[in-house]
Amino acid sequence: MQTIIRCELVINEALRFTLMLDTPDEQINEFIRFLENILDVIEFIMQSKNTRDFIHEMN
């Protein structure tokens, strides 16, 4: 449940920021950029976890 709340807080903060921009196009583009960055971080975390699991299995 805490993970969901954290995700909601991050998304809400991104929305608050993007809604301060001037045009809808800028808002949408910035929000998409934000989501891309979040997905990159999640992918990195997953790869790191998989690498650690693999190394642990090898030992």
Protein backbone atom coordinates (compact mmCIF):
# COMPACT_ATOMS: atom_id res chain seq x y z
CA MET A 1 0.00 0.00 0.00
CA GLN A 2 2.83 2.40 0.80
CA THR A 3 4.35 1.82 -2.62
CA ILE A 4 1.08 2.80 -4.28
CA ILE A 5 0.85 5.95 -2.17
CA ARG A 6 4.44 6.89 -3.07
CA CYS A 7 3.72 6.38 -6.76
CA GLU A 8 0.61 8.54 -6.49
CA LEU A 9 2.59 11.28 -4.74
CA VAL A 10 5.26 11.28 -7.46
CA ILE A 11 2.67 11.38 -10.25
CA ASN A 12 0.72 14.14 -8.50
CA GLU A 13 3.89 16.21 -8.14
CA ALA A 14 4.63 15.75 -11.84
CA LEU A 15 1.10 16.79 -12.75
CA ARG A 16 1.31 19.86 -10.53
CA PHE A 17 4.55 20.89 -12.21
CA THR A 18 3.39 20.26 -15.75
CA LEU A 19 0.10 22.11 -15.25
CA MET A 20 2.08 25.28 -14.51
CA LEU A 21 3.43 25.30 -18.07
CA ASP A 22 1.86 27.62 -20.64
CA THR A 23 0.42 25.39 -23.34
CA PRO A 24 -1.22 21.97 -23.37
CA ASP A 25 1.49 20.73 -25.74
CA GLU A 26 4.21 21.73 -23.28
CA GLN A 27 2.27 20.11 -20.44
CA ILE A 28 1.83 16.82 -22.28
CA ASN A 29 5.42 16.70 -23.53
CA GLU A 30 6.85 17.41 -20.09
CA PHE A 31 4.65 14.79 -18.43
CA ILE A 32 5.69 12.21 -21.04
CA ARG A 33 9.36 13.10 -20.41
CA PHE A 34 8.76 12.62 -16.71
CA LEU A 35 7.18 9.20 -17.23
CA GLU A 36 10.06 8.15 -19.51
CA ASN A 37 12.54 9.07 -16.77
CA ILE A 38 10.59 7.10 -14.18
CA LEU A 39 10.46 4.07 -16.46
CA ASP A 40 14.23 4.31 -17.02
CA VAL A 41 14.78 4.29 -13.26
CA ILE A 42 12.46 1.31 -12.79
CA GLU A 43 14.24 -0.58 -15.57
CA PHE A 44 17.62 0.15 -13.98
CA ILE A 45 16.40 -1.07 -10.58
CA MET A 46 15.03 -4.26 -12.10
CA GLN A 47 18.27 -4.93 -13.97
CA SER A 48 20.29 -4.34 -10.80
CA LYS A 49 18.07 -6.69 -8.84
CA ASN A 50 18.35 -9.37 -11.55
CA THR A 51 22.14 -8.99 -11.59
CA ARG A 52 22.35 -9.34 -7.80
CA ASP A 53 20.08 -12.39 -7.89
CA PHE A 54 22.21 -13.95 -10.63
CA ILE A 55 25.45 -13.30 -8.74
CA HIS A 56 23.92 -14.70 -5.56
CA GLU A 57 22.87 -17.88 -7.40
CA MET A 58 26.39 -18.31 -8.79
CA ASN A 59 27.95 -18.31 -5.29
